[in-house]
Amino acid sequence: QVDRCAVVGCDNDEEMHESFHEICSIFEKYLRSQNEMFIFGSRPTNADFAFFGQMSQFRIDITSDRILREKYVFLFSWLERMDDLSGIEVEKQPFLLDFNGLRGIVSDLLSVCGNVYLPFLRANYIALQHNKQEVSVDLKINGKVINHKQAPFKWQGKCLKVLQSKLNAIRNEKDFDKLQEVLIQTGCWEMLNAAVSKL
């Protein structure tokens, strides 16, 4: 996988390390602050499984595993818990997201999207549209402004359009105004709401 780092835009050590610590710090702060075992309460949701699928690799690498054990012990415990969910009793009632009591971890992670992922998607899309050989964009990662460079990535070009179309598809939902407010506060709204042709 090391050979693919440049392909997926991960060959900047500072960028990778700052991203790792920012995400881990968000999880650690939240997991320390509440008594529930999972992100949204007493049972795992799609969010737990989605993040676990990516973050489980932190325990495989020797360096990141050591850092988790030393600095992010609640996150490490959550990863251990997610790795073996046997014995967890799950209620069958559907999970409903309450925008009035939105957990801090949601807005913190959306802010990361507004500072990092979405600005990259926009810059990548523009580079693809103009047949540029390089994407260059300043990203705010863990409080630092870091210039990210990589070759344009066609798959990520599709991601922006899909996210925008999914947002557009729920505009008539009753809580859309609350979602819009959250997206504005976290810096995601402008890029998700913009027409792709105007980027």
C-alpha atoms as a PDB file:
ATOM      1  CA  GLN A   1       0.000   0.000   0.000  1.00  0.00           C
ATOM      2  CA  VAL A   2       2.957   2.356   0.473  1.00  0.00           C
ATOM      3  CA  ASP A   3       3.364   2.526  -3.296  1.00  0.00           C
ATOM      4  CA  ARG A   4      -0.204   3.831  -3.595  1.00  0.00           C
ATOM      5  CA  CYS A   5       0.264   6.741  -1.193  1.00  0.00           C
ATOM      6  CA  ALA A   6       0.929   9.279  -3.926  1.00  0.00           C
ATOM      7  CA  VAL A   7      -1.989   7.950  -6.000  1.00  0.00           C
ATOM      8  CA  VAL A   8      -4.513   8.642  -3.256  1.00  0.00           C
ATOM      9  CA  GLY A   9      -2.826  11.841  -2.066  1.00  0.00           C
ATOM     10  CA  CYS A  10      -1.219  10.622   1.153  1.00  0.00           C
ATOM     11  CA  ASP A  11       2.498  11.167   0.624  1.00  0.00           C
ATOM     12  CA  ASN A  12       2.753  14.236   2.891  1.00  0.00           C
ATOM     13  CA  ASP A  13       3.843  13.042   6.351  1.00  0.00           C
ATOM     14  CA  GLU A  14       2.754  16.212   8.150  1.00  0.00           C
ATOM     15  CA  GLU A  15      -0.666  16.051   6.548  1.00  0.00           C
ATOM     16  CA  MET A  16      -1.149  12.390   7.471  1.00  0.00           C
ATOM     17  CA  HIS A  17       0.035  12.828  11.053  1.00  0.00           C
ATOM     18  CA  GLU A  18      -2.034  15.937  11.718  1.00  0.00           C
ATOM     19  CA  SER A  19      -5.120  14.274  10.238  1.00  0.00           C
ATOM     20  CA  PHE A  20      -4.581  11.199  12.384  1.00  0.00           C
ATOM     21  CA  HIS A  21      -4.283  13.230  15.577  1.00  0.00           C
ATOM     22  CA  GLU A  22      -7.218  15.494  14.737  1.00  0.00           C
ATOM     23  CA  ILE A  23      -9.608  12.593  14.139  1.00  0.00           C
ATOM     24  CA  CYS A  24      -8.334  10.634  17.133  1.00  0.00           C
ATOM     25  CA  SER A  25      -8.650  13.702  19.384  1.00  0.00           C
ATOM     26  CA  ILE A  26     -12.259  14.239  18.337  1.00  0.00           C
ATOM     27  CA  PHE A  27     -13.155  10.647  19.147  1.00  0.00           C
ATOM     28  CA  GLU A  28     -11.180  10.656  22.391  1.00  0.00           C
ATOM     29  CA  LYS A  29     -12.813  13.857  23.665  1.00  0.00           C
ATOM     30  CA  TYR A  30     -16.281  12.587  22.901  1.00  0.00           C
ATOM     31  CA  LEU A  31     -15.829   9.054  24.223  1.00  0.00           C
ATOM     32  CA  ARG A  32     -14.361  10.425  27.468  1.00  0.00           C
ATOM     33  CA  SER A  33     -17.297  12.784  27.959  1.00  0.00           C
ATOM     34  CA  GLN A  34     -20.179  10.322  27.921  1.00  0.00           C
ATOM     35  CA  ASN A  35     -21.186   7.031  29.501  1.00  0.00           C
ATOM     36  CA  GLU A  36     -22.540   5.311  26.417  1.00  0.00           C
ATOM     37  CA  MET A  37     -20.476   2.650  24.678  1.00  0.00           C
ATOM     38  CA  PHE A  38     -21.008   3.790  21.096  1.00  0.00           C
ATOM     39  CA  ILE A  39     -21.103   6.979  19.049  1.00  0.00           C
ATOM     40  CA  PHE A  40     -24.863   7.523  19.307  1.00  0.00           C
ATOM     41  CA  GLY A  41     -25.667   5.685  22.500  1.00  0.00           C
ATOM     42  CA  SER A  42     -25.992   2.184  23.884  1.00  0.00           C
ATOM     43  CA  ARG A  43     -25.940   0.351  20.560  1.00  0.00           C
ATOM     44  CA  PRO A  44     -23.747   0.530  17.479  1.00  0.00           C
ATOM     45  CA  THR A  45     -25.092   2.315  14.408  1.00  0.00           C
ATOM     46  CA  ASN A  46     -23.930   2.577  10.813  1.00  0.00           C
ATOM     47  CA  ALA A  47     -21.612   5.371  11.986  1.00  0.00           C
ATOM     48  CA  ASP A  48     -19.782   3.033  14.375  1.00  0.00           C
ATOM     49  CA  PHE A  49     -19.321   0.367  11.714  1.00  0.00           C
ATOM     50  CA  ALA A  50     -18.243   2.873   9.060  1.00  0.00           C
ATOM     51  CA  PHE A  51     -15.554   4.450  11.239  1.00  0.00           C
ATOM     52  CA  PHE A  52     -14.454   1.111  12.646  1.00  0.00           C
ATOM     53  CA  GLY A  53     -13.917  -0.204   9.126  1.00  0.00           C
ATOM     54  CA  GLN A  54     -11.346   2.518   8.518  1.00  0.00           C
ATOM     55  CA  MET A  55      -9.884   3.014  11.998  1.00  0.00           C
ATOM     56  CA  SER A  56      -9.414  -0.677  12.763  1.00  0.00           C
ATOM     57  CA  GLN A  57      -6.247  -0.406  10.683  1.00  0.00           C
ATOM     58  CA  PHE A  58      -4.787   1.852  13.375  1.00  0.00           C
ATOM     59  CA  ARG A  59      -4.429  -1.205  15.602  1.00  0.00           C
ATOM     60  CA  ILE A  60      -2.618  -3.212  12.947  1.00  0.00           C
ATOM     61  CA  ASP A  61       0.203  -0.726  12.382  1.00  0.00           C
ATOM     62  CA  ILE A  62       2.721  -0.810  15.238  1.00  0.00           C
ATOM     63  CA  THR A  63       3.235   2.966  15.419  1.00  0.00           C
ATOM     64  CA  SER A  64      -0.421   4.024  15.393  1.00  0.00           C
ATOM     65  CA  ASP A  65      -1.326   1.216  17.806  1.00  0.00           C
ATOM     66  CA  ARG A  66       1.267   2.498  20.280  1.00  0.00           C
ATOM     67  CA  ILE A  67      -0.009   6.065  19.959  1.00  0.00           C
ATOM     68  CA  LEU A  68      -3.583   4.931  20.580  1.00  0.00           C
ATOM     69  CA  ARG A  69      -2.578   3.051  23.729  1.00  0.00           C
ATOM     70  CA  GLU A  70      -0.603   6.027  25.051  1.00  0.00           C
ATOM     71  CA  LYS A  71      -2.727   9.039  24.027  1.00  0.00           C
ATOM     72  CA  TYR A  72      -6.171   7.876  22.932  1.00  0.00           C
ATOM     73  CA  VAL A  73      -7.116   5.134  25.380  1.00  0.00           C
ATOM     74  CA  PHE A  74     -10.884   5.641  25.118  1.00  0.00           C
ATOM     75  CA  LEU A  75     -10.684   5.412  21.345  1.00  0.00           C
ATOM     76  CA  PHE A  76      -8.555   2.283  21.673  1.00  0.00           C
ATOM     77  CA  SER A  77     -11.180   0.769  23.981  1.00  0.00           C
ATOM     78  CA  TRP A  78     -13.948   1.621  21.513  1.00  0.00           C
ATOM     79  CA  LEU A  79     -12.011  -0.135  18.740  1.00  0.00           C
ATOM     80  CA  GLU A  80     -11.586  -3.191  20.970  1.00  0.00           C
ATOM     81  CA  ARG A  81     -15.315  -3.152  21.759  1.00  0.00           C
ATOM     82  CA  MET A  82     -16.278  -2.863  18.098  1.00  0.00           C
ATOM     83  CA  ASP A  83     -13.976  -5.743  17.224  1.00  0.00           C
ATOM     84  CA  ASP A  84     -16.062  -8.096  19.378  1.00  0.00           C
ATOM     85  CA  LEU A  85     -19.720  -7.176  19.784  1.00  0.00           C
ATOM     86  CA  SER A  86     -20.778 -10.551  21.145  1.00  0.00           C
ATOM     87  CA  GLY A  87     -22.999 -10.186  24.187  1.00  0.00           C
ATOM     88  CA  ILE A  88     -24.282  -6.737  23.233  1.00  0.00           C
ATOM     89  CA  GLU A  89     -28.064  -6.614  23.528  1.00  0.00           C
ATOM     90  CA  VAL A  90     -29.598  -4.392  20.860  1.00  0.00           C
ATOM     91  CA  GLU A  91     -33.045  -2.834  20.943  1.00  0.00           C
ATOM     92  CA  LYS A  92     -35.070  -3.378  17.795  1.00  0.00           C
ATOM     93  CA  GLN A  93     -36.538   0.119  17.645  1.00  0.00           C
ATOM     94  CA  PRO A  94     -35.246   2.181  14.690  1.00  0.00           C
ATOM     95  CA  PHE A  95     -32.638   4.834  15.468  1.00  0.00           C
ATOM     96  CA  LEU A  96     -33.794   8.414  14.916  1.00  0.00           C
ATOM     97  CA  LEU A  97     -31.350  11.313  14.751  1.00  0.00           C
ATOM     98  CA  ASP A  98     -32.368  14.273  16.903  1.00  0.00           C
ATOM     99  CA  PHE A  99     -31.054  17.525  15.427  1.00  0.00           C
ATOM    100  CA  ASN A 100     -32.004  19.382  18.611  1.00  0.00           C
ATOM    101  CA  GLY A 101     -29.649  17.232  20.658  1.00  0.00           C
ATOM    102  CA  LEU A 102     -26.969  16.643  18.062  1.00  0.00           C
ATOM    103  CA  ARG A 103     -23.885  15.128  19.655  1.00  0.00           C
ATOM    104  CA  GLY A 104     -20.693  17.158  19.576  1.00  0.00           C
ATOM    105  CA  ILE A 105     -18.774  14.514  17.690  1.00  0.00           C
ATOM    106  CA  VAL A 106     -21.065  14.992  14.676  1.00  0.00           C
ATOM    107  CA  SER A 107     -20.407  18.721  14.323  1.00  0.00           C
ATOM    108  CA  ASP A 108     -16.683  18.228  15.031  1.00  0.00           C
ATOM    109  CA  LEU A 109     -16.350  15.621  12.287  1.00  0.00           C
ATOM    110  CA  LEU A 110     -18.433  17.691   9.885  1.00  0.00           C
ATOM    111  CA  SER A 111     -16.069  20.602  10.559  1.00  0.00           C
ATOM    112  CA  VAL A 112     -13.208  18.359   9.447  1.00  0.00           C
ATOM    113  CA  CYS A 113     -15.161  17.711   6.262  1.00  0.00           C
ATOM    114  CA  GLY A 114     -15.668  21.444   5.787  1.00  0.00           C
ATOM    115  CA  ASN A 115     -11.983  22.179   6.361  1.00  0.00           C
ATOM    116  CA  VAL A 116     -10.418  19.250   4.538  1.00  0.00           C
ATOM    117  CA  TYR A 117     -12.506  16.829   2.509  1.00  0.00           C
ATOM    118  CA  LEU A 118     -14.893  19.155   0.711  1.00  0.00           C
ATOM    119  CA  PRO A 119     -12.270  21.787  -0.231  1.00  0.00           C
ATOM    120  CA  PHE A 120     -10.200  18.953  -1.677  1.00  0.00           C
ATOM    121  CA  LEU A 121     -13.183  17.547  -3.594  1.00  0.00           C
ATOM    122  CA  ARG A 122     -13.889  20.967  -5.082  1.00  0.00           C
ATOM    123  CA  ALA A 123     -10.245  21.571  -6.079  1.00  0.00           C
ATOM    124  CA  ASN A 124     -10.008  18.064  -7.497  1.00  0.00           C
ATOM    125  CA  TYR A 125     -13.192  18.511  -9.528  1.00  0.00           C
ATOM    126  CA  ILE A 126     -11.976  21.813 -10.967  1.00  0.00           C
ATOM    127  CA  ALA A 127      -8.632  20.243 -11.872  1.00  0.00           C
ATOM    128  CA  LEU A 128     -10.397  17.407 -13.689  1.00  0.00           C
ATOM    129  CA  GLN A 129     -12.649  19.822 -15.575  1.00  0.00           C
ATOM    130  CA  HIS A 130      -9.662  21.860 -16.755  1.00  0.00           C
ATOM    131  CA  ASN A 131      -7.407  18.861 -17.491  1.00  0.00           C
ATOM    132  CA  LYS A 132      -4.818  19.987 -14.973  1.00  0.00           C
ATOM    133  CA  GLN A 133      -1.970  17.679 -14.039  1.00  0.00           C
ATOM    134  CA  GLU A 134      -1.987  18.616 -10.353  1.00  0.00           C
ATOM    135  CA  VAL A 135      -4.437  19.497  -7.591  1.00  0.00           C
ATOM    136  CA  SER A 136      -3.113  22.133  -5.199  1.00  0.00           C
ATOM    137  CA  VAL A 137      -5.282  23.358  -2.328  1.00  0.00           C
ATOM    138  CA  ASP A 138      -4.747  24.768   1.173  1.00  0.00           C
ATOM    139  CA  LEU A 139      -6.458  22.659   3.820  1.00  0.00           C
ATOM    140  CA  LYS A 140      -6.969  23.413   7.495  1.00  0.00           C
ATOM    141  CA  ILE A 141      -5.887  20.275   9.344  1.00  0.00           C
ATOM    142  CA  ASN A 142      -5.744  20.157  13.136  1.00  0.00           C
ATOM    143  CA  GLY A 143      -5.538  23.948  13.289  1.00  0.00           C
ATOM    144  CA  LYS A 144      -2.732  24.199  10.712  1.00  0.00           C
ATOM    145  CA  VAL A 145      -2.960  25.347   7.103  1.00  0.00           C
ATOM    146  CA  ILE A 146      -1.252  22.711   4.972  1.00  0.00           C
ATOM    147  CA  ASN A 147      -0.919  22.802   1.198  1.00  0.00           C
ATOM    148  CA  HIS A 148      -2.110  19.546  -0.299  1.00  0.00           C
ATOM    149  CA  LYS A 149      -0.862  18.438  -3.713  1.00  0.00           C
ATOM    150  CA  GLN A 150      -1.626  15.367  -5.772  1.00  0.00           C
ATOM    151  CA  ALA A 151      -2.638  14.254  -9.236  1.00  0.00           C
ATOM    152  CA  PRO A 152      -6.360  14.645  -9.990  1.00  0.00           C
ATOM    153  CA  PHE A 153      -8.395  11.625  -8.904  1.00  0.00           C
ATOM    154  CA  LYS A 154     -11.371  10.697 -11.136  1.00  0.00           C
ATOM    155  CA  TRP A 155     -13.150   8.688  -8.456  1.00  0.00           C
ATOM    156  CA  GLN A 156     -13.165  11.674  -6.083  1.00  0.00           C
ATOM    157  CA  GLY A 157     -14.582  13.761  -8.897  1.00  0.00           C
ATOM    158  CA  LYS A 158     -17.635  11.506  -8.832  1.00  0.00           C
ATOM    159  CA  CYS A 159     -17.883  11.722  -5.044  1.00  0.00           C
ATOM    160  CA  LEU A 160     -18.618  15.449  -5.031  1.00  0.00           C
ATOM    161  CA  LYS A 161     -21.462  15.082  -7.531  1.00  0.00           C
ATOM    162  CA  VAL A 162     -22.963  12.176  -5.599  1.00  0.00           C
ATOM    163  CA  LEU A 163     -22.882  14.092  -2.301  1.00  0.00           C
ATOM    164  CA  GLN A 164     -24.524  17.102  -3.922  1.00  0.00           C
ATOM    165  CA  SER A 165     -27.226  14.969  -5.532  1.00  0.00           C
ATOM    166  CA  LYS A 166     -27.990  13.214  -2.224  1.00  0.00           C
ATOM    167  CA  LEU A 167     -28.336  16.564  -0.479  1.00  0.00           C
ATOM    168  CA  ASN A 168     -30.630  17.817  -3.212  1.00  0.00           C
ATOM    169  CA  ALA A 169     -32.780  14.679  -2.935  1.00  0.00           C
ATOM    170  CA  ILE A 170     -33.765  15.418   0.668  1.00  0.00           C
ATOM    171  CA  ARG A 171     -34.545  19.121   0.360  1.00  0.00           C
ATOM    172  CA  ASN A 172     -38.235  18.499   1.021  1.00  0.00           C
ATOM    173  CA  GLU A 173     -37.666  16.542   4.235  1.00  0.00           C
ATOM    174  CA  LYS A 174     -39.179  18.176   7.330  1.00  0.00           C
ATOM    175  CA  ASP A 175     -35.850  18.612   9.153  1.00  0.00           C
ATOM    176  CA  PHE A 176     -33.894  19.872   6.153  1.00  0.00           C
ATOM    177  CA  ASP A 177     -33.693  23.397   7.586  1.00  0.00           C
ATOM    178  CA  LYS A 178     -32.009  22.010  10.704  1.00  0.00           C
ATOM    179  CA  LEU A 179     -29.573  20.015   8.589  1.00  0.00           C
ATOM    180  CA  GLN A 180     -28.818  23.133   6.549  1.00  0.00           C
ATOM    181  CA  GLU A 181     -28.048  25.059   9.732  1.00  0.00           C
ATOM    182  CA  VAL A 182     -25.601  22.384  10.874  1.00  0.00           C
ATOM    183  CA  LEU A 183     -23.910  22.288   7.461  1.00  0.00           C
ATOM    184  CA  ILE A 184     -23.559  26.073   7.452  1.00  0.00           C
ATOM    185  CA  GLN A 185     -22.054  26.104  10.936  1.00  0.00           C
ATOM    186  CA  THR A 186     -19.511  23.441  10.000  1.00  0.00           C
ATOM    187  CA  GLY A 187     -18.465  24.998   6.692  1.00  0.00           C
ATOM    188  CA  CYS A 188     -19.989  22.283   4.505  1.00  0.00           C
ATOM    189  CA  TRP A 189     -23.042  23.989   3.071  1.00  0.00           C
ATOM    190  CA  GLU A 190     -21.491  26.237   0.440  1.00  0.00           C
ATOM    191  CA  MET A 191     -19.594  23.434  -1.304  1.00  0.00           C
ATOM    192  CA  LEU A 192     -22.396  20.884  -1.057  1.00  0.00           C
ATOM    193  CA  ASN A 193     -25.080  23.310  -2.154  1.00  0.00           C
ATOM    194  CA  ALA A 194     -23.160  24.805  -5.101  1.00  0.00           C
ATOM    195  CA  ALA A 195     -24.060  23.636  -8.570  1.00  0.00           C
ATOM    196  CA  VAL A 196     -21.219  21.525  -9.921  1.00  0.00           C
ATOM    197  CA  SER A 197     -21.211  23.573 -13.120  1.00  0.00           C
ATOM    198  CA  LYS A 198     -20.402  26.708 -11.108  1.00  0.00           C
ATOM    199  CA  LEU A 199     -17.352  25.286  -9.325  1.00  0.00           C
END
